[in-house]
Structures are given as structure tokens and as C-alpha cells.
Amino acid sequence: MTTLQSERFPDWETLYRQQPGETLPWYYADLDPDLAAALRDHGLTRGRLLDLGTGPGTQAIALAARGFETTGTDLSATAVAKATALAQARGFQVTFVQDDVLASRLTASFDAVFDRGCFHVIDPSQRGTYVDATAGWLAPGGLLLLKTFSKLQPDDVGPHRFSPDEIRTTFAPRFELLSATETVYQGTLDPLPKALFSVLRRL
């Protein structure tokens, strides 16, 4: 069992080995529209960007296509291998690395970190480790662009749900919550799950 797993979530390596990426619930071929809006609103057009929990790699590749120097990390070696092959097939340079945010060996620094599915599957007892890791990759003023399931999503199957106040409290005092927008989680599910897109600034 890895540090990002529990009885609530699958074995990520087995999942990516056995199932095509495009069939996974969180697969989205294009740049997440909430991320695109955040990049626009905060004037981010170039720089070093980390796609945390990159999975199929589509978001990291879409960011590279926009001119970002992009790194994608994932717990699953198979996900990293498949994402690397996809980037090469599409002709984009992306650095994909197998890494665990809760025991990270990543020493690089970034202008922004994007998370579209990692934080909301982490056990509550380990969220502080996540906050410290992401803060460590960002200089003061750097942005964490975080997409999670929303408290408005019915039932409790799958990822943990969050409200803006919970995000604010969890990430204080390392981050300031700039905005939290109720939205949807684009992917292969129908209907699309309700999501919360939060923009946090490293203090």
C-alpha cells in the first residue's frame, strides 16, 4: 500500500497498468477550462509549471503546448511511462517523473503547481505533509492551482469533498486562498461531478 492509497482508493499502479488512460473517470484530453481561466486571470503565460498527479499526462502536455516548461509527476510508474510516450508522440517536451508528494524527492522550484486530482485522495492525517511539499516547490507569491471534489457533490463515494473554508483552513498559514470557484470535474463520468477550483498564493 502506498502513501496515497487507502481502502477508499485503488492501487494506482495496478489501475494504470490494467486500464487505458482515456477510459478513466478523470481523463480529459484538452486543457482543463478552469486552469485555462486561472492562467489568464493571473497573467501566467510562461514559466515553470508542475502538474502534480499527472496521470494520463494530458494536462502537462496541454501546458507544454502553451509554452510552459512543464514537469508532470505521478505515483504510478506506468502512468509516467504512458504520459512520456504520449508527449513524444505529440511532439512536446515534458519532463515526467515518478514521485510521491508525501515523500517527495523532487527538488526543483516552480512558478505554479497544478493539482487536478491528487490532494483530494490524500488521507486527512497527511494533508499537512502535502501542504509543506507544495509550499516548498514555490517561492513566495507562487500559485497553487487546486481542483478537488466539492462539498456540493452528493454522496461520499470517491475523493474527499471540500468547501472553500476547509481549503482556507487546511492551507493556512503557508498559503492565502485567493479564490474558490464552484465548477465541475471534466472527465468521462455522466453527469460530471461537482468540483471546487481554488487558487492559493504561497506566503
N, C-alpha and C. Protein backbone atom coordinates (compact mmCIF):
# COMPACT_ATOMS: atom_id res chain seq x y z
N MET A 1 0.85 -1.20 0.00
CA MET A 1 0.00 0.00 0.00
C MET A 1 0.88 1.25 0.00
N THR A 2 0.65 2.15 -0.90
CA THR A 2 1.43 3.37 -0.98
C THR A 2 0.83 4.43 -0.07
N THR A 3 1.56 5.53 0.10
CA THR A 3 1.09 6.58 0.99
C THR A 3 -0.12 7.31 0.44
N LEU A 4 -0.40 7.18 -0.85
CA LEU A 4 -1.58 7.83 -1.41
C LEU A 4 -2.74 6.86 -1.57
N GLN A 5 -2.66 5.74 -0.89
CA GLN A 5 -3.71 4.75 -1.00
C GLN A 5 -4.36 4.47 0.35
N SER A 6 -5.55 4.02 0.31
CA SER A 6 -6.27 3.55 1.49
C SER A 6 -7.34 2.61 0.97
N GLU A 7 -8.14 2.10 1.88
CA GLU A 7 -9.23 1.23 1.44
C GLU A 7 -10.22 1.98 0.56
N ARG A 8 -10.19 3.31 0.64
CA ARG A 8 -11.13 4.12 -0.11
C ARG A 8 -10.74 4.26 -1.58
N PHE A 9 -9.45 4.07 -1.89
CA PHE A 9 -8.95 4.34 -3.24
C PHE A 9 -8.20 3.13 -3.80
N PRO A 10 -8.05 3.09 -5.13
CA PRO A 10 -7.44 1.92 -5.76
C PRO A 10 -5.92 1.92 -5.64
N ASP A 11 -5.33 0.82 -6.04
CA ASP A 11 -3.89 0.73 -6.24
C ASP A 11 -3.60 1.42 -7.57
N TRP A 12 -3.00 2.59 -7.52
CA TRP A 12 -2.87 3.41 -8.72
C TRP A 12 -2.02 2.73 -9.80
N GLU A 13 -0.94 2.05 -9.39
CA GLU A 13 -0.10 1.38 -10.37
C GLU A 13 -0.86 0.28 -11.10
N THR A 14 -1.60 -0.52 -10.36
CA THR A 14 -2.41 -1.57 -10.99
C THR A 14 -3.46 -0.97 -11.91
N LEU A 15 -4.08 0.10 -11.46
CA LEU A 15 -5.11 0.75 -12.26
C LEU A 15 -4.56 1.20 -13.60
N TYR A 16 -3.42 1.91 -13.59
CA TYR A 16 -2.87 2.43 -14.85
C TYR A 16 -2.29 1.31 -15.71
N ARG A 17 -1.88 0.22 -15.09
CA ARG A 17 -1.36 -0.89 -15.87
C ARG A 17 -2.49 -1.63 -16.58
N GLN A 18 -3.65 -1.71 -15.96
CA GLN A 18 -4.72 -2.55 -16.47
C GLN A 18 -5.75 -1.79 -17.30
N GLN A 19 -5.81 -0.48 -17.16
CA GLN A 19 -6.89 0.27 -17.80
C GLN A 19 -6.34 1.38 -18.69
N PRO A 20 -6.83 1.52 -19.92
CA PRO A 20 -6.39 2.62 -20.79
C PRO A 20 -6.71 3.98 -20.14
N GLY A 21 -5.78 4.91 -20.25
CA GLY A 21 -5.95 6.20 -19.61
C GLY A 21 -7.21 6.93 -20.03
N GLU A 22 -7.58 6.80 -21.30
CA GLU A 22 -8.73 7.54 -21.80
C GLU A 22 -10.07 7.01 -21.28
N THR A 23 -10.06 5.88 -20.59
CA THR A 23 -11.29 5.34 -20.01
C THR A 23 -11.46 5.70 -18.54
N LEU A 24 -10.46 6.36 -17.94
CA LEU A 24 -10.52 6.69 -16.53
C LEU A 24 -11.46 7.86 -16.28
N PRO A 25 -12.10 7.93 -15.12
CA PRO A 25 -13.10 8.98 -14.87
C PRO A 25 -12.56 10.39 -15.00
N TRP A 26 -11.27 10.59 -14.69
CA TRP A 26 -10.69 11.94 -14.70
C TRP A 26 -10.01 12.29 -16.01
N TYR A 27 -10.08 11.41 -17.00
CA TYR A 27 -9.41 11.70 -18.27
C TYR A 27 -10.07 12.87 -18.98
N TYR A 28 -9.25 13.83 -19.40
CA TYR A 28 -9.74 14.98 -20.17
C TYR A 28 -8.64 15.38 -21.14
N ALA A 29 -8.93 15.30 -22.43
CA ALA A 29 -7.89 15.44 -23.44
C ALA A 29 -7.34 16.86 -23.55
N ASP A 30 -8.18 17.85 -23.32
CA ASP A 30 -7.78 19.24 -23.50
C ASP A 30 -7.41 19.88 -22.17
N LEU A 31 -6.88 21.09 -22.23
CA LEU A 31 -6.55 21.81 -21.01
C LEU A 31 -7.81 22.07 -20.20
N ASP A 32 -7.77 21.76 -18.91
CA ASP A 32 -8.91 21.99 -18.04
C ASP A 32 -9.34 23.46 -18.16
N PRO A 33 -10.61 23.72 -18.45
CA PRO A 33 -11.05 25.11 -18.67
C PRO A 33 -10.89 25.99 -17.43
N ASP A 34 -10.99 25.42 -16.23
CA ASP A 34 -10.78 26.21 -15.02
C ASP A 34 -9.31 26.60 -14.88
N LEU A 35 -8.41 25.70 -15.26
CA LEU A 35 -7.00 26.04 -15.27
C LEU A 35 -6.71 27.12 -16.30
N ALA A 36 -7.29 26.97 -17.49
CA ALA A 36 -7.09 27.97 -18.54
C ALA A 36 -7.54 29.35 -18.07
N ALA A 37 -8.68 29.42 -17.38
CA ALA A 37 -9.17 30.70 -16.87
C ALA A 37 -8.24 31.27 -15.82
N ALA A 38 -7.72 30.42 -14.93
CA ALA A 38 -6.82 30.89 -13.88
C ALA A 38 -5.51 31.41 -14.47
N LEU A 39 -4.98 30.73 -15.46
CA LEU A 39 -3.77 31.20 -16.12
C LEU A 39 -4.00 32.58 -16.73
N ARG A 40 -5.13 32.74 -17.38
CA ARG A 40 -5.48 34.03 -17.98
C ARG A 40 -5.65 35.11 -16.92
N ASP A 41 -6.42 34.81 -15.89
CA ASP A 41 -6.74 35.81 -14.88
C ASP A 41 -5.51 36.27 -14.10
N HIS A 42 -4.52 35.38 -13.95
CA HIS A 42 -3.33 35.72 -13.17
C HIS A 42 -2.12 36.03 -14.06
N GLY A 43 -2.36 36.16 -15.35
CA GLY A 43 -1.30 36.58 -16.27
C GLY A 43 -0.16 35.60 -16.42
N LEU A 44 -0.45 34.31 -16.26
CA LEU A 44 0.58 33.30 -16.41
C LEU A 44 0.61 32.81 -17.85
N THR A 45 1.66 33.18 -18.55
CA THR A 45 1.79 32.78 -19.95
C THR A 45 3.08 31.99 -20.22
N ARG A 46 4.04 32.07 -19.32
CA ARG A 46 5.31 31.36 -19.45
C ARG A 46 5.80 30.99 -18.06
N GLY A 47 6.80 30.12 -18.00
CA GLY A 47 7.39 29.78 -16.72
C GLY A 47 7.41 28.28 -16.48
N ARG A 48 7.83 27.92 -15.29
CA ARG A 48 7.96 26.51 -14.90
C ARG A 48 6.71 26.10 -14.13
N LEU A 49 6.07 25.04 -14.60
CA LEU A 49 4.81 24.62 -14.00
C LEU A 49 4.84 23.12 -13.72
N LEU A 50 4.41 22.76 -12.52
CA LEU A 50 4.34 21.37 -12.11
C LEU A 50 2.91 20.87 -12.18
N ASP A 51 2.69 19.77 -12.89
CA ASP A 51 1.39 19.09 -12.93
C ASP A 51 1.48 17.92 -11.97
N LEU A 52 0.92 18.09 -10.78
CA LEU A 52 1.06 17.14 -9.70
C LEU A 52 -0.01 16.06 -9.81
N GLY A 53 0.41 14.78 -9.83
CA GLY A 53 -0.54 13.70 -10.06
C GLY A 53 -1.00 13.70 -11.50
N THR A 54 -0.04 13.72 -12.41
CA THR A 54 -0.32 13.96 -13.83
C THR A 54 -1.17 12.90 -14.50
N GLY A 55 -1.15 11.65 -13.98
CA GLY A 55 -1.99 10.59 -14.55
C GLY A 55 -1.73 10.38 -16.03
N PRO A 56 -2.75 10.51 -16.87
CA PRO A 56 -2.56 10.30 -18.31
C PRO A 56 -1.62 11.31 -18.98
N GLY A 57 -1.31 12.42 -18.28
CA GLY A 57 -0.37 13.40 -18.81
C GLY A 57 -0.94 14.45 -19.73
N THR A 58 -2.25 14.41 -19.96
CA THR A 58 -2.83 15.32 -20.95
C THR A 58 -2.73 16.79 -20.53
N GLN A 59 -2.84 17.06 -19.22
CA GLN A 59 -2.77 18.45 -18.78
C GLN A 59 -1.35 19.00 -18.91
N ALA A 60 -0.37 18.19 -18.54
CA ALA A 60 1.02 18.62 -18.68
C ALA A 60 1.37 18.88 -20.15
N ILE A 61 0.88 18.03 -21.03
CA ILE A 61 1.14 18.20 -22.45
C ILE A 61 0.46 19.46 -22.98
N ALA A 62 -0.78 19.69 -22.56
CA ALA A 62 -1.51 20.89 -22.98
C ALA A 62 -0.81 22.15 -22.49
N LEU A 63 -0.23 22.10 -21.31
CA LEU A 63 0.52 23.25 -20.80
C LEU A 63 1.80 23.47 -21.60
N ALA A 64 2.48 22.38 -21.94
CA ALA A 64 3.67 22.50 -22.78
C ALA A 64 3.33 23.10 -24.13
N ALA A 65 2.16 22.74 -24.65
CA ALA A 65 1.72 23.29 -25.94
C ALA A 65 1.51 24.79 -25.86
N ARG A 66 1.24 25.30 -24.66
CA ARG A 66 1.06 26.74 -24.46
C ARG A 66 2.38 27.46 -24.18
N GLY A 67 3.47 26.71 -24.13
CA GLY A 67 4.77 27.33 -23.95
C GLY A 67 5.35 27.23 -22.56
N PHE A 68 4.69 26.52 -21.65
CA PHE A 68 5.23 26.36 -20.31
C PHE A 68 6.32 25.29 -20.29
N GLU A 69 7.29 25.47 -19.42
CA GLU A 69 8.28 24.44 -19.13
C GLU A 69 7.66 23.53 -18.07
N THR A 70 7.20 22.37 -18.49
CA THR A 70 6.30 21.58 -17.67
C THR A 70 6.93 20.30 -17.17
N THR A 71 6.68 20.02 -15.89
CA THR A 71 7.03 18.75 -15.28
C THR A 71 5.75 18.10 -14.78
N GLY A 72 5.60 16.80 -15.03
CA GLY A 72 4.47 16.06 -14.52
C GLY A 72 4.94 14.93 -13.62
N THR A 73 4.35 14.81 -12.44
CA THR A 73 4.73 13.73 -11.53
C THR A 73 3.52 12.86 -11.23
N ASP A 74 3.80 11.60 -10.97
CA ASP A 74 2.74 10.67 -10.58
C ASP A 74 3.34 9.54 -9.75
N LEU A 75 2.53 8.99 -8.87
CA LEU A 75 2.94 7.86 -8.05
C LEU A 75 3.15 6.61 -8.89
N SER A 76 2.41 6.48 -9.98
CA SER A 76 2.43 5.28 -10.80
C SER A 76 3.51 5.35 -11.88
N ALA A 77 4.40 4.38 -11.89
CA ALA A 77 5.44 4.31 -12.93
C ALA A 77 4.82 4.09 -14.30
N THR A 78 3.75 3.31 -14.36
CA THR A 78 3.09 3.05 -15.63
C THR A 78 2.45 4.32 -16.17
N ALA A 79 1.81 5.11 -15.31
CA ALA A 79 1.25 6.38 -15.75
C ALA A 79 2.32 7.28 -16.32
N VAL A 80 3.47 7.34 -15.65
CA VAL A 80 4.58 8.18 -16.12
C VAL A 80 5.08 7.70 -17.48
N ALA A 81 5.21 6.39 -17.65
CA ALA A 81 5.69 5.84 -18.92
C ALA A 81 4.71 6.13 -20.05
N LYS A 82 3.41 5.96 -19.77
CA LYS A 82 2.41 6.22 -20.80
C LYS A 82 2.34 7.71 -21.15
N ALA A 83 2.44 8.58 -20.14
CA ALA A 83 2.41 10.02 -20.39
C ALA A 83 3.62 10.45 -21.20
N THR A 84 4.79 9.88 -20.89
CA THR A 84 6.01 10.19 -21.64
C THR A 84 5.85 9.81 -23.11
N ALA A 85 5.31 8.63 -23.36
CA ALA A 85 5.10 8.17 -24.73
C ALA A 85 4.11 9.07 -25.46
N LEU A 86 3.07 9.51 -24.77
CA LEU A 86 2.07 10.38 -25.40
C LEU A 86 2.68 11.73 -25.76
N ALA A 87 3.48 12.30 -24.88
CA ALA A 87 4.13 13.58 -25.17
C ALA A 87 5.06 13.46 -26.37
N GLN A 88 5.80 12.37 -26.42
CA GLN A 88 6.71 12.16 -27.55
C GLN A 88 5.93 12.01 -28.85
N ALA A 89 4.82 11.28 -28.80
CA ALA A 89 4.01 11.07 -29.99
C ALA A 89 3.42 12.38 -30.50
N ARG A 90 3.12 13.29 -29.57
CA ARG A 90 2.54 14.58 -29.96
C ARG A 90 3.59 15.66 -30.22
N GLY A 91 4.87 15.32 -29.99
CA GLY A 91 5.96 16.23 -30.31
C GLY A 91 6.19 17.34 -29.29
N PHE A 92 5.87 17.07 -28.01
CA PHE A 92 6.08 18.08 -26.97
C PHE A 92 7.09 17.59 -25.95
N GLN A 93 7.88 18.54 -25.44
CA GLN A 93 8.88 18.24 -24.43
C GLN A 93 8.30 18.44 -23.04
N VAL A 94 8.09 17.36 -22.33
CA VAL A 94 7.60 17.40 -20.95
C VAL A 94 8.46 16.45 -20.13
N THR A 95 8.84 16.89 -18.94
CA THR A 95 9.58 16.02 -18.03
C THR A 95 8.59 15.30 -17.12
N PHE A 96 8.51 13.99 -17.26
CA PHE A 96 7.64 13.19 -16.41
C PHE A 96 8.49 12.40 -15.42
N VAL A 97 8.08 12.42 -14.15
CA VAL A 97 8.86 11.82 -13.08
C VAL A 97 7.94 11.02 -12.16
N GLN A 98 8.36 9.82 -11.78
CA GLN A 98 7.64 9.08 -10.76
C GLN A 98 8.00 9.68 -9.40
N ASP A 99 7.00 10.08 -8.63
CA ASP A 99 7.27 10.72 -7.35
C ASP A 99 6.02 10.63 -6.47
N ASP A 100 6.24 10.67 -5.17
CA ASP A 100 5.17 10.64 -4.18
C ASP A 100 5.20 11.96 -3.43
N VAL A 101 4.16 12.74 -3.53
CA VAL A 101 4.13 14.06 -2.90
C VAL A 101 4.32 13.95 -1.39
N LEU A 102 3.97 12.83 -0.80
CA LEU A 102 4.09 12.67 0.65
C LEU A 102 5.47 12.20 1.09
N ALA A 103 6.32 11.88 0.13
CA ALA A 103 7.71 11.52 0.41
C ALA A 103 8.53 11.94 -0.81
N SER A 104 8.41 13.20 -1.18
CA SER A 104 8.92 13.66 -2.47
C SER A 104 10.44 13.76 -2.50
N ARG A 105 10.99 13.40 -3.65
CA ARG A 105 12.41 13.59 -3.91
C ARG A 105 12.63 14.73 -4.90
N LEU A 106 11.55 15.41 -5.24
CA LEU A 106 11.61 16.49 -6.22
C LEU A 106 12.21 17.73 -5.56
N THR A 107 13.28 18.26 -6.15
CA THR A 107 13.97 19.42 -5.57
C THR A 107 13.84 20.68 -6.42
N ALA A 108 13.18 20.58 -7.54
CA ALA A 108 13.04 21.73 -8.42
C ALA A 108 12.10 22.76 -7.82
N SER A 109 12.17 23.98 -8.36
CA SER A 109 11.22 25.03 -7.96
C SER A 109 10.37 25.40 -9.16
N PHE A 110 9.17 25.91 -8.89
CA PHE A 110 8.20 26.17 -9.94
C PHE A 110 7.51 27.52 -9.71
N ASP A 111 7.01 28.08 -10.80
CA ASP A 111 6.23 29.31 -10.71
C ASP A 111 4.80 29.03 -10.28
N ALA A 112 4.31 27.84 -10.61
CA ALA A 112 2.96 27.43 -10.23
C ALA A 112 2.90 25.92 -10.16
N VAL A 113 2.00 25.42 -9.31
CA VAL A 113 1.73 23.99 -9.19
C VAL A 113 0.25 23.78 -9.48
N PHE A 114 -0.04 22.83 -10.35
CA PHE A 114 -1.41 22.49 -10.70
C PHE A 114 -1.71 21.09 -10.20
N ASP A 115 -2.83 20.94 -9.50
CA ASP A 115 -3.25 19.65 -8.97
C ASP A 115 -4.71 19.43 -9.34
N ARG A 116 -4.93 18.43 -10.17
CA ARG A 116 -6.27 18.13 -10.66
C ARG A 116 -6.72 16.73 -10.21
N GLY A 117 -6.40 16.36 -8.97
CA GLY A 117 -6.86 15.06 -8.53
C GLY A 117 -5.99 14.35 -7.53
N CYS A 118 -4.91 15.01 -7.08
CA CYS A 118 -4.03 14.37 -6.10
C CYS A 118 -4.48 14.67 -4.66
N PHE A 119 -4.62 15.95 -4.33
CA PHE A 119 -4.89 16.33 -2.95
C PHE A 119 -6.17 15.70 -2.41
N HIS A 120 -7.20 15.61 -3.23
CA HIS A 120 -8.48 15.15 -2.69
C HIS A 120 -8.55 13.63 -2.49
N VAL A 121 -7.47 12.90 -2.76
CA VAL A 121 -7.43 11.48 -2.41
C VAL A 121 -6.44 11.20 -1.29
N ILE A 122 -5.86 12.22 -0.72
CA ILE A 122 -4.90 12.05 0.37
C ILE A 122 -5.64 11.92 1.70
N ASP A 123 -5.15 11.02 2.53
CA ASP A 123 -5.75 10.84 3.85
C ASP A 123 -5.67 12.15 4.65
N PRO A 124 -6.73 12.51 5.36
CA PRO A 124 -6.73 13.76 6.12
C PRO A 124 -5.52 13.92 7.04
N SER A 125 -5.02 12.82 7.61
CA SER A 125 -3.89 12.90 8.53
C SER A 125 -2.60 13.32 7.84
N GLN A 126 -2.56 13.23 6.51
CA GLN A 126 -1.34 13.52 5.76
C GLN A 126 -1.42 14.81 4.95
N ARG A 127 -2.48 15.57 5.14
CA ARG A 127 -2.63 16.80 4.36
C ARG A 127 -1.56 17.84 4.69
N GLY A 128 -1.12 17.87 5.94
CA GLY A 128 -0.07 18.82 6.30
C GLY A 128 1.22 18.56 5.55
N THR A 129 1.53 17.29 5.32
CA THR A 129 2.72 16.94 4.54
C THR A 129 2.59 17.44 3.11
N TYR A 130 1.41 17.30 2.56
CA TYR A 130 1.14 17.81 1.21
C TYR A 130 1.34 19.32 1.16
N VAL A 131 0.78 20.03 2.13
CA VAL A 131 0.90 21.50 2.15
C VAL A 131 2.37 21.91 2.20
N ASP A 132 3.15 21.25 3.05
CA ASP A 132 4.56 21.58 3.17
C ASP A 132 5.32 21.30 1.86
N ALA A 133 4.98 20.20 1.21
CA ALA A 133 5.66 19.85 -0.04
C ALA A 133 5.38 20.88 -1.12
N THR A 134 4.12 21.21 -1.30
CA THR A 134 3.78 22.18 -2.36
C THR A 134 4.35 23.56 -2.05
N ALA A 135 4.32 23.95 -0.79
CA ALA A 135 4.92 25.24 -0.42
C ALA A 135 6.41 25.25 -0.70
N GLY A 136 7.06 24.10 -0.52
CA GLY A 136 8.49 24.01 -0.75
C GLY A 136 8.90 24.16 -2.20
N TRP A 137 7.98 23.85 -3.12
CA TRP A 137 8.29 23.97 -4.55
C TRP A 137 8.05 25.37 -5.08
N LEU A 138 7.41 26.22 -4.29
CA LEU A 138 7.01 27.55 -4.74
C LEU A 138 7.73 28.64 -3.96
N ALA A 139 8.16 29.66 -4.65
CA ALA A 139 8.67 30.85 -3.98
C ALA A 139 7.48 31.66 -3.46
N PRO A 140 7.70 32.56 -2.49
CA PRO A 140 6.61 33.43 -2.06
C PRO A 140 5.96 34.12 -3.26
N GLY A 141 4.64 34.09 -3.31
CA GLY A 141 3.91 34.65 -4.45
C GLY A 141 3.55 33.62 -5.50
N GLY A 142 4.19 32.44 -5.46
CA GLY A 142 3.84 31.38 -6.40
C GLY A 142 2.44 30.85 -6.16
N LEU A 143 1.83 30.31 -7.20
CA LEU A 143 0.42 29.90 -7.12
C LEU A 143 0.26 28.39 -7.10
N LEU A 144 -0.64 27.93 -6.25
CA LEU A 144 -1.12 26.56 -6.26
C LEU A 144 -2.53 26.60 -6.84
N LEU A 145 -2.71 25.91 -7.95
CA LEU A 145 -4.00 25.86 -8.66
C LEU A 145 -4.58 24.47 -8.41
N LEU A 146 -5.61 24.43 -7.58
CA LEU A 146 -6.05 23.18 -6.98
C LEU A 146 -7.50 22.86 -7.32
N LYS A 147 -7.70 21.68 -7.93
CA LYS A 147 -9.05 21.24 -8.26
C LYS A 147 -9.39 20.00 -7.44
N THR A 148 -10.49 20.07 -6.70
CA THR A 148 -10.93 18.99 -5.84
C THR A 148 -12.42 18.74 -6.05
N PHE A 149 -12.90 17.65 -5.52
CA PHE A 149 -14.34 17.47 -5.42
C PHE A 149 -14.90 18.52 -4.46
N SER A 150 -16.12 18.95 -4.73
CA SER A 150 -16.78 19.96 -3.92
C SER A 150 -17.71 19.32 -2.89
N LYS A 151 -17.93 20.04 -1.80
CA LYS A 151 -18.91 19.62 -0.80
C LYS A 151 -20.30 19.50 -1.40
N LEU A 152 -20.53 20.15 -2.54
CA LEU A 152 -21.83 20.09 -3.20
C LEU A 152 -22.06 18.78 -3.94
N GLN A 153 -21.00 17.98 -4.11
CA GLN A 153 -21.14 16.69 -4.78
C GLN A 153 -21.87 15.72 -3.85
N PRO A 154 -22.98 15.13 -4.31
CA PRO A 154 -23.75 14.21 -3.44
C PRO A 154 -22.96 12.96 -3.07
N ASP A 155 -23.42 12.28 -2.05
CA ASP A 155 -22.88 11.03 -1.51
C ASP A 155 -21.43 11.19 -1.07
N ASP A 156 -20.77 10.09 -0.78
CA ASP A 156 -19.38 10.18 -0.32
C ASP A 156 -18.49 9.17 -1.03
N VAL A 157 -18.90 8.72 -2.20
CA VAL A 157 -18.10 7.78 -2.97
C VAL A 157 -16.96 8.52 -3.67
N GLY A 158 -15.76 7.95 -3.61
CA GLY A 158 -14.65 8.56 -4.31
C GLY A 158 -13.91 9.57 -3.46
N PRO A 159 -13.34 10.62 -4.11
CA PRO A 159 -12.48 11.57 -3.42
C PRO A 159 -13.18 12.33 -2.30
N HIS A 160 -12.37 12.86 -1.39
CA HIS A 160 -12.89 13.71 -0.33
C HIS A 160 -13.48 14.99 -0.92
N ARG A 161 -14.48 15.53 -0.25
CA ARG A 161 -15.14 16.76 -0.69
C ARG A 161 -14.63 17.94 0.15
N PHE A 162 -14.59 19.13 -0.47
CA PHE A 162 -14.10 20.31 0.24
C PHE A 162 -15.00 21.52 0.01
N SER A 163 -15.03 22.37 1.03
CA SER A 163 -15.64 23.69 0.94
C SER A 163 -14.51 24.72 0.89
N PRO A 164 -14.80 25.95 0.46
CA PRO A 164 -13.76 26.98 0.48
C PRO A 164 -13.14 27.17 1.86
N ASP A 165 -13.96 27.15 2.90
CA ASP A 165 -13.43 27.34 4.25
C ASP A 165 -12.47 26.22 4.65
N GLU A 166 -12.77 25.00 4.23
CA GLU A 166 -11.87 23.88 4.54
C GLU A 166 -10.54 24.02 3.81
N ILE A 167 -10.59 24.48 2.56
CA ILE A 167 -9.35 24.71 1.82
C ILE A 167 -8.55 25.81 2.51
N ARG A 168 -9.19 26.90 2.86
CA ARG A 168 -8.52 28.02 3.52
C ARG A 168 -7.83 27.57 4.81
N THR A 169 -8.56 26.83 5.63
CA THR A 169 -8.02 26.39 6.91
C THR A 169 -6.88 25.39 6.75
N THR A 170 -7.04 24.45 5.81
CA THR A 170 -6.03 23.42 5.60
C THR A 170 -4.71 24.00 5.15
N PHE A 171 -4.75 25.01 4.31
CA PHE A 171 -3.52 25.53 3.71
C PHE A 171 -2.91 26.71 4.46
N ALA A 172 -3.62 27.25 5.43
CA ALA A 172 -3.04 28.29 6.28
C ALA A 172 -2.05 27.63 7.26
N PRO A 173 -0.94 28.31 7.62
CA PRO A 173 -0.55 29.68 7.24
C PRO A 173 0.42 29.73 6.06
N ARG A 174 0.60 28.63 5.33
CA ARG A 174 1.58 28.61 4.22
C ARG A 174 1.04 29.29 2.97
N PHE A 175 -0.29 29.30 2.83
CA PHE A 175 -0.92 29.83 1.63
C PHE A 175 -2.08 30.76 1.99
N GLU A 176 -2.33 31.70 1.09
CA GLU A 176 -3.53 32.54 1.16
C GLU A 176 -4.49 32.09 0.06
N LEU A 177 -5.74 31.86 0.42
CA LEU A 177 -6.75 31.49 -0.57
C LEU A 177 -7.21 32.75 -1.30
N LEU A 178 -6.93 32.81 -2.61
CA LEU A 178 -7.32 33.97 -3.41
C LEU A 178 -8.72 33.83 -3.95
N SER A 179 -9.10 32.62 -4.33
CA SER A 179 -10.43 32.40 -4.88
C SER A 179 -10.77 30.92 -4.79
N ALA A 180 -12.07 30.64 -4.75
CA ALA A 180 -12.57 29.25 -4.75
C ALA A 180 -13.86 29.26 -5.55
N THR A 181 -13.85 28.60 -6.68
CA THR A 181 -14.96 28.64 -7.62
C THR A 181 -15.63 27.29 -7.73
N GLU A 182 -16.94 27.27 -7.55
CA GLU A 182 -17.70 26.04 -7.76
C GLU A 182 -17.79 25.76 -9.26
N THR A 183 -17.48 24.54 -9.65
CA THR A 183 -17.41 24.19 -11.06
C THR A 183 -17.72 22.70 -11.22
N VAL A 184 -17.26 22.08 -12.29
CA VAL A 184 -17.42 20.65 -12.48
C VAL A 184 -16.06 20.03 -12.79
N TYR A 185 -16.00 18.73 -12.60
CA TYR A 185 -14.78 17.98 -12.85
C TYR A 185 -14.91 17.29 -14.20
N GLN A 186 -14.28 17.88 -15.23
CA GLN A 186 -14.39 17.33 -16.57
C GLN A 186 -13.74 15.95 -16.62
N GLY A 187 -14.39 15.05 -17.34
CA GLY A 187 -13.87 13.70 -17.46
C GLY A 187 -14.85 12.84 -18.21
N THR A 188 -14.88 11.57 -17.88
CA THR A 188 -15.70 10.62 -18.62
C THR A 188 -17.00 10.25 -17.90
N LEU A 189 -17.22 10.80 -16.71
CA LEU A 189 -18.44 10.49 -15.96
C LEU A 189 -19.63 11.32 -16.46
N ASP A 190 -20.81 10.78 -16.30
CA ASP A 190 -22.04 11.47 -16.67
C ASP A 190 -23.09 11.20 -15.60
N PRO A 191 -23.50 12.23 -14.85
CA PRO A 191 -23.12 13.64 -15.00
C PRO A 191 -21.72 13.92 -14.45
N LEU A 192 -21.17 15.08 -14.83
CA LEU A 192 -19.85 15.45 -14.34
C LEU A 192 -19.94 15.78 -12.84
N PRO A 193 -18.99 15.28 -12.04
CA PRO A 193 -19.00 15.58 -10.61
C PRO A 193 -18.82 17.07 -10.34
N LYS A 194 -19.36 17.52 -9.22
CA LYS A 194 -19.20 18.92 -8.81
C LYS A 194 -17.82 19.10 -8.19
N ALA A 195 -17.16 20.17 -8.59
CA ALA A 195 -15.77 20.40 -8.19
C ALA A 195 -15.60 21.79 -7.61
N LEU A 196 -14.49 21.98 -6.92
CA LEU A 196 -14.09 23.27 -6.39
C LEU A 196 -12.71 23.58 -6.95
N PHE A 197 -12.59 24.73 -7.62
CA PHE A 197 -11.29 25.13 -8.16
C PHE A 197 -10.76 26.28 -7.31
N SER A 198 -9.65 26.03 -6.62
CA SER A 198 -9.09 27.01 -5.69
C SER A 198 -7.76 27.53 -6.19
N VAL A 199 -7.55 28.82 -6.05
CA VAL A 199 -6.28 29.46 -6.36
C VAL A 199 -5.69 29.95 -5.04
N LEU A 200 -4.53 29.43 -4.71
CA LEU A 200 -3.86 29.78 -3.46
C LEU A 200 -2.49 30.39 -3.74
N ARG A 201 -2.13 31.41 -2.98
CA ARG A 201 -0.83 32.08 -3.16
C ARG A 201 0.09 31.73 -2.00
N ARG A 202 1.29 31.30 -2.34
CA ARG A 202 2.30 30.97 -1.35
C ARG A 202 2.73 32.22 -0.59
N LEU A 203 2.68 32.16 0.73
CA LEU A 203 3.06 33.29 1.58
C LEU A 203 4.55 33.26 1.92
